[in-house]
Amino acid sequence: MPKMKSHTGMGKRVKVTGRGKLVAQQAGLRHKLEKKSSHHTRRLTGTVEVSKVDTPRIKKLLGR
């Protein structure tokens, strides 16, 4: 049986915390920033916990 390989692209986008939570950057901060208010773009900075619905799929891709 071959070894399970983690999805390298997902590994670059998601970080696993010490307690096993998945943390990722918020969406919507890459382009079309002129139409978004500065208040909105400031709110999108930083990382947030991945939703519970996506967590099992991402953990499978990470090999956890």
PDB file of N, CA and C in Angstrom:
ATOM      1  N   MET A   1       0.846  -1.188   0.000  1.00  0.00           N
ATOM      2  CA  MET A   1       0.000   0.000   0.000  1.00  0.00           C
ATOM      3  C   MET A   1       0.890   1.249   0.000  1.00  0.00           C
ATOM      4  N   PRO A   2       0.666   2.169  -0.944  1.00  0.00           N
ATOM      5  CA  PRO A   2       1.505   3.374  -0.970  1.00  0.00           C
ATOM      6  C   PRO A   2       1.188   4.315   0.187  1.00  0.00           C
ATOM      7  N   LYS A   3       2.151   5.159   0.482  1.00  0.00           N
ATOM      8  CA  LYS A   3       1.965   6.115   1.569  1.00  0.00           C
ATOM      9  C   LYS A   3       0.952   7.183   1.175  1.00  0.00           C
ATOM     10  N   MET A   4       0.242   7.682   2.182  1.00  0.00           N
ATOM     11  CA  MET A   4      -0.702   8.781   1.963  1.00  0.00           C
ATOM     12  C   MET A   4       0.088  10.073   1.839  1.00  0.00           C
ATOM     13  N   LYS A   5      -0.153  10.807   0.750  1.00  0.00           N
ATOM     14  CA  LYS A   5       0.548  12.080   0.556  1.00  0.00           C
ATOM     15  C   LYS A   5      -0.396  13.225   0.875  1.00  0.00           C
ATOM     16  N   SER A   6       0.138  14.217   1.568  1.00  0.00           N
ATOM     17  CA  SER A   6      -0.687  15.379   1.882  1.00  0.00           C
ATOM     18  C   SER A   6      -0.769  16.272   0.647  1.00  0.00           C
ATOM     19  N   HIS A   7      -1.845  17.019   0.545  1.00  0.00           N
ATOM     20  CA  HIS A   7      -2.066  17.934  -0.572  1.00  0.00           C
ATOM     21  C   HIS A   7      -1.220  19.180  -0.327  1.00  0.00           C
ATOM     22  N   THR A   8      -0.167  19.374  -1.125  1.00  0.00           N
ATOM     23  CA  THR A   8       0.787  20.443  -0.844  1.00  0.00           C
ATOM     24  C   THR A   8       0.149  21.824  -0.975  1.00  0.00           C
ATOM     25  N   GLY A   9      -0.795  21.986  -1.890  1.00  0.00           N
ATOM     26  CA  GLY A   9      -1.460  23.274  -2.054  1.00  0.00           C
ATOM     27  C   GLY A   9      -2.282  23.646  -0.840  1.00  0.00           C
ATOM     28  N   MET A  10      -2.956  22.671  -0.259  1.00  0.00           N
ATOM     29  CA  MET A  10      -3.753  22.939   0.936  1.00  0.00           C
ATOM     30  C   MET A  10      -2.855  23.214   2.128  1.00  0.00           C
ATOM     31  N   GLY A  11      -1.708  22.560   2.170  1.00  0.00           N
ATOM     32  CA  GLY A  11      -0.772  22.798   3.259  1.00  0.00           C
ATOM     33  C   GLY A  11      -0.238  24.213   3.279  1.00  0.00           C
ATOM     34  N   LYS A  12      -0.170  24.855   2.097  1.00  0.00           N
ATOM     35  CA  LYS A  12       0.307  26.229   2.034  1.00  0.00           C
ATOM     36  C   LYS A  12      -0.767  27.226   2.446  1.00  0.00           C
ATOM     37  N   ARG A  13      -2.024  26.835   2.369  1.00  0.00           N
ATOM     38  CA  ARG A  13      -3.118  27.760   2.631  1.00  0.00           C
ATOM     39  C   ARG A  13      -3.697  27.655   4.029  1.00  0.00           C
ATOM     40  N   VAL A  14      -3.498  26.520   4.687  1.00  0.00           N
ATOM     41  CA  VAL A  14      -4.143  26.273   5.985  1.00  0.00           C
ATOM     42  C   VAL A  14      -3.080  25.923   7.010  1.00  0.00           C
ATOM     43  N   LYS A  15      -3.242  26.457   8.218  1.00  0.00           N
ATOM     44  CA  LYS A  15      -2.328  26.146   9.318  1.00  0.00           C
ATOM     45  C   LYS A  15      -3.103  25.411  10.394  1.00  0.00           C
ATOM     46  N   VAL A  16      -2.487  24.412  10.998  1.00  0.00           N
ATOM     47  CA  VAL A  16      -3.120  23.663  12.080  1.00  0.00           C
ATOM     48  C   VAL A  16      -2.573  24.195  13.395  1.00  0.00           C
ATOM     49  N   THR A  17      -3.469  24.580  14.298  1.00  0.00           N
ATOM     50  CA  THR A  17      -3.048  25.109  15.590  1.00  0.00           C
ATOM     51  C   THR A  17      -2.649  23.964  16.515  1.00  0.00           C
ATOM     52  N   GLY A  18      -2.180  24.313  17.672  1.00  0.00           N
ATOM     53  CA  GLY A  18      -1.752  23.311  18.631  1.00  0.00           C
ATOM     54  C   GLY A  18      -2.876  22.408  19.103  1.00  0.00           C
ATOM     55  N   ARG A  19      -4.086  22.938  19.138  1.00  0.00           N
ATOM     56  CA  ARG A  19      -5.241  22.137  19.568  1.00  0.00           C
ATOM     57  C   ARG A  19      -5.929  21.424  18.416  1.00  0.00           C
ATOM     58  N   GLY A  20      -5.392  21.570  17.204  1.00  0.00           N
ATOM     59  CA  GLY A  20      -5.955  20.848  16.060  1.00  0.00           C
ATOM     60  C   GLY A  20      -6.950  21.635  15.240  1.00  0.00           C
ATOM     61  N   LYS A  21      -7.150  22.918  15.557  1.00  0.00           N
ATOM     62  CA  LYS A  21      -8.062  23.727  14.755  1.00  0.00           C
ATOM     63  C   LYS A  21      -7.376  24.138  13.456  1.00  0.00           C
ATOM     64  N   LEU A  22      -8.182  24.386  12.436  1.00  0.00           N
ATOM     65  CA  LEU A  22      -7.655  24.823  11.148  1.00  0.00           C
ATOM     66  C   LEU A  22      -7.863  26.326  11.014  1.00  0.00           C
ATOM     67  N   VAL A  23      -6.797  27.034  10.662  1.00  0.00           N
ATOM     68  CA  VAL A  23      -6.843  28.479  10.551  1.00  0.00           C
ATOM     69  C   VAL A  23      -6.396  28.861   9.151  1.00  0.00           C
ATOM     70  N   ALA A  24      -7.138  29.788   8.508  1.00  0.00           N
ATOM     71  CA  ALA A  24      -6.811  30.224   7.158  1.00  0.00           C
ATOM     72  C   ALA A  24      -7.099  31.703   7.006  1.00  0.00           C
ATOM     73  N   GLN A  25      -6.557  32.287   5.948  1.00  0.00           N
ATOM     74  CA  GLN A  25      -6.804  33.694   5.640  1.00  0.00           C
ATOM     75  C   GLN A  25      -8.228  33.856   5.130  1.00  0.00           C
ATOM     76  N   GLN A  26      -8.846  34.987   5.443  1.00  0.00           N
ATOM     77  CA  GLN A  26     -10.204  35.252   4.974  1.00  0.00           C
ATOM     78  C   GLN A  26     -10.191  35.526   3.475  1.00  0.00           C
ATOM     79  N   ALA A  27     -11.269  35.188   2.811  1.00  0.00           N
ATOM     80  CA  ALA A  27     -11.384  35.410   1.378  1.00  0.00           C
ATOM     81  C   ALA A  27     -11.797  36.846   1.094  1.00  0.00           C
ATOM     82  N   GLY A  28     -11.524  37.307  -0.124  1.00  0.00           N
ATOM     83  CA  GLY A  28     -11.999  38.605  -0.569  1.00  0.00           C
ATOM     84  C   GLY A  28     -11.013  39.734  -0.423  1.00  0.00           C
ATOM     85  N   LEU A  29      -9.711  39.433  -0.295  1.00  0.00           N
ATOM     86  CA  LEU A  29      -8.731  40.502  -0.104  1.00  0.00           C
ATOM     87  C   LEU A  29      -7.659  40.481  -1.197  1.00  0.00           C
ATOM     88  N   ARG A  30      -7.930  39.801  -2.308  1.00  0.00           N
ATOM     89  CA  ARG A  30      -6.920  39.655  -3.356  1.00  0.00           C
ATOM     90  C   ARG A  30      -7.039  40.710  -4.451  1.00  0.00           C
ATOM     91  N   HIS A  31      -8.231  41.011  -4.888  1.00  0.00           N
ATOM     92  CA  HIS A  31      -8.389  41.967  -5.986  1.00  0.00           C
ATOM     93  C   HIS A  31      -9.698  42.718  -5.827  1.00  0.00           C
ATOM     94  N   LYS A  32      -9.908  43.696  -6.695  1.00  0.00           N
ATOM     95  CA  LYS A  32     -11.082  44.584  -6.655  1.00  0.00           C
ATOM     96  C   LYS A  32     -11.200  45.284  -5.309  1.00  0.00           C
ATOM     97  N   LEU A  33     -10.074  45.818  -4.857  1.00  0.00           N
ATOM     98  CA  LEU A  33     -10.060  46.478  -3.555  1.00  0.00           C
ATOM     99  C   LEU A  33     -10.550  47.926  -3.625  1.00  0.00           C
ATOM    100  N   GLU A  34     -10.614  48.491  -4.841  1.00  0.00           N
ATOM    101  CA  GLU A  34     -11.035  49.890  -4.960  1.00  0.00           C
ATOM    102  C   GLU A  34     -12.493  50.087  -4.563  1.00  0.00           C
ATOM    103  N   LYS A  35     -13.314  49.112  -4.873  1.00  0.00           N
ATOM    104  CA  LYS A  35     -14.742  49.275  -4.570  1.00  0.00           C
ATOM    105  C   LYS A  35     -15.073  48.937  -3.117  1.00  0.00           C
ATOM    106  N   LYS A  36     -14.163  48.277  -2.425  1.00  0.00           N
ATOM    107  CA  LYS A  36     -14.407  47.927  -1.022  1.00  0.00           C
ATOM    108  C   LYS A  36     -13.934  49.076  -0.133  1.00  0.00           C
ATOM    109  N   SER A  37     -14.696  49.333   0.907  1.00  0.00           N
ATOM    110  CA  SER A  37     -14.321  50.402   1.820  1.00  0.00           C
ATOM    111  C   SER A  37     -13.109  49.967   2.644  1.00  0.00           C
ATOM    112  N   SER A  38     -12.382  50.957   3.157  1.00  0.00           N
ATOM    113  CA  SER A  38     -11.211  50.652   3.961  1.00  0.00           C
ATOM    114  C   SER A  38     -11.602  49.930   5.241  1.00  0.00           C
ATOM    115  N   HIS A  39     -12.800  50.244   5.754  1.00  0.00           N
ATOM    116  CA  HIS A  39     -13.303  49.539   6.940  1.00  0.00           C
ATOM    117  C   HIS A  39     -13.473  48.049   6.626  1.00  0.00           C
ATOM    118  N   HIS A  40     -13.978  47.754   5.450  1.00  0.00           N
ATOM    119  CA  HIS A  40     -14.217  46.364   5.031  1.00  0.00           C
ATOM    120  C   HIS A  40     -12.895  45.622   4.847  1.00  0.00           C
ATOM    121  N   THR A  41     -11.922  46.263   4.189  1.00  0.00           N
ATOM    122  CA  THR A  41     -10.645  45.590   3.951  1.00  0.00           C
ATOM    123  C   THR A  41      -9.875  45.376   5.250  1.00  0.00           C
ATOM    124  N   ARG A  42      -9.973  46.299   6.191  1.00  0.00           N
ATOM    125  CA  ARG A  42      -9.320  46.103   7.484  1.00  0.00           C
ATOM    126  C   ARG A  42      -9.928  44.925   8.232  1.00  0.00           C
ATOM    127  N   ARG A  43     -11.229  44.770   8.105  1.00  0.00           N
ATOM    128  CA  ARG A  43     -11.910  43.675   8.788  1.00  0.00           C
ATOM    129  C   ARG A  43     -11.513  42.314   8.209  1.00  0.00           C
ATOM    130  N   LEU A  44     -11.110  42.285   6.937  1.00  0.00           N
ATOM    131  CA  LEU A  44     -10.746  41.029   6.291  1.00  0.00           C
ATOM    132  C   LEU A  44      -9.307  40.595   6.578  1.00  0.00           C
ATOM    133  N   THR A  45      -8.494  41.448   7.189  1.00  0.00           N
ATOM    134  CA  THR A  45      -7.118  41.063   7.460  1.00  0.00           C
ATOM    135  C   THR A  45      -7.070  40.021   8.572  1.00  0.00           C
ATOM    136  N   GLY A  46      -5.948  39.314   8.628  1.00  0.00           N
ATOM    137  CA  GLY A  46      -5.771  38.313   9.670  1.00  0.00           C
ATOM    138  C   GLY A  46      -6.348  36.961   9.266  1.00  0.00           C
ATOM    139  N   THR A  47      -6.294  36.042  10.192  1.00  0.00           N
ATOM    140  CA  THR A  47      -6.746  34.680   9.930  1.00  0.00           C
ATOM    141  C   THR A  47      -7.970  34.358  10.774  1.00  0.00           C
ATOM    142  N   VAL A  48      -8.770  33.415  10.282  1.00  0.00           N
ATOM    143  CA  VAL A  48      -9.960  32.958  10.998  1.00  0.00           C
ATOM    144  C   VAL A  48      -9.994  31.435  10.976  1.00  0.00           C
ATOM    145  N   GLU A  49     -10.786  30.883  11.857  1.00  0.00           N
ATOM    146  CA  GLU A  49     -10.945  29.431  11.904  1.00  0.00           C
ATOM    147  C   GLU A  49     -11.794  28.974  10.721  1.00  0.00           C
ATOM    148  N   VAL A  50     -11.426  27.839  10.134  1.00  0.00           N
ATOM    149  CA  VAL A  50     -12.158  27.288   9.003  1.00  0.00           C
ATOM    150  C   VAL A  50     -13.512  26.786   9.493  1.00  0.00           C
ATOM    151  N   SER A  51     -14.546  26.898   8.641  1.00  0.00           N
ATOM    152  CA  SER A  51     -15.892  26.494   9.044  1.00  0.00           C
ATOM    153  C   SER A  51     -15.948  24.996   9.326  1.00  0.00           C
ATOM    154  N   LYS A  52     -16.889  24.612  10.169  1.00  0.00           N
ATOM    155  CA  LYS A  52     -17.025  23.209  10.577  1.00  0.00           C
ATOM    156  C   LYS A  52     -17.373  22.306   9.404  1.00  0.00           C
ATOM    157  N   VAL A  53     -18.060  22.861   8.414  1.00  0.00           N
ATOM    158  CA  VAL A  53     -18.459  22.059   7.248  1.00  0.00           C
ATOM    159  C   VAL A  53     -17.240  21.660   6.423  1.00  0.00           C
ATOM    160  N   ASP A  54     -16.265  22.567   6.289  1.00  0.00           N
ATOM    161  CA  ASP A  54     -15.085  22.312   5.461  1.00  0.00           C
ATOM    162  C   ASP A  54     -13.981  21.559   6.195  1.00  0.00           C
ATOM    163  N   THR A  55     -14.042  21.514   7.511  1.00  0.00           N
ATOM    164  CA  THR A  55     -12.958  20.932   8.299  1.00  0.00           C
ATOM    165  C   THR A  55     -12.651  19.472   7.953  1.00  0.00           C
ATOM    166  N   PRO A  56     -13.630  18.561   7.856  1.00  0.00           N
ATOM    167  CA  PRO A  56     -13.284  17.164   7.544  1.00  0.00           C
ATOM    168  C   PRO A  56     -12.605  17.009   6.191  1.00  0.00           C
ATOM    169  N   ARG A  57     -13.056  17.776   5.197  1.00  0.00           N
ATOM    170  CA  ARG A  57     -12.480  17.675   3.851  1.00  0.00           C
ATOM    171  C   ARG A  57     -11.036  18.164   3.847  1.00  0.00           C
ATOM    172  N   ILE A  58     -10.776  19.251   4.543  1.00  0.00           N
ATOM    173  CA  ILE A  58      -9.427  19.804   4.571  1.00  0.00           C
ATOM    174  C   ILE A  58      -8.493  18.903   5.363  1.00  0.00           C
ATOM    175  N   LYS A  59      -8.983  18.347   6.461  1.00  0.00           N
ATOM    176  CA  LYS A  59      -8.153  17.433   7.250  1.00  0.00           C
ATOM    177  C   LYS A  59      -7.769  16.192   6.440  1.00  0.00           C
ATOM    178  N   LYS A  60      -8.677  15.722   5.590  1.00  0.00           N
ATOM    179  CA  LYS A  60      -8.376  14.580   4.735  1.00  0.00           C
ATOM    180  C   LYS A  60      -7.295  14.934   3.730  1.00  0.00           C
ATOM    181  N   LEU A  61      -7.371  16.155   3.183  1.00  0.00           N
ATOM    182  CA  LEU A  61      -6.347  16.590   2.226  1.00  0.00           C
ATOM    183  C   LEU A  61      -4.996  16.762   2.886  1.00  0.00           C
ATOM    184  N   LEU A  62      -4.993  17.153   4.165  1.00  0.00           N
ATOM    185  CA  LEU A  62      -3.748  17.320   4.885  1.00  0.00           C
ATOM    186  C   LEU A  62      -3.189  16.003   5.406  1.00  0.00           C
ATOM    187  N   GLY A  63      -3.959  14.939   5.309  1.00  0.00           N
ATOM    188  CA  GLY A  63      -3.498  13.636   5.790  1.00  0.00           C
ATOM    189  C   GLY A  63      -3.581  13.490   7.283  1.00  0.00           C
ATOM    190  N   ARG A  64      -4.568  14.123   7.920  1.00  0.00           N
ATOM    191  CA  ARG A  64      -4.737  14.061   9.372  1.00  0.00           C
ATOM    192  C   ARG A  64      -5.979  13.292   9.736  1.00  0.00           C
TER     193      ARG A  64
END
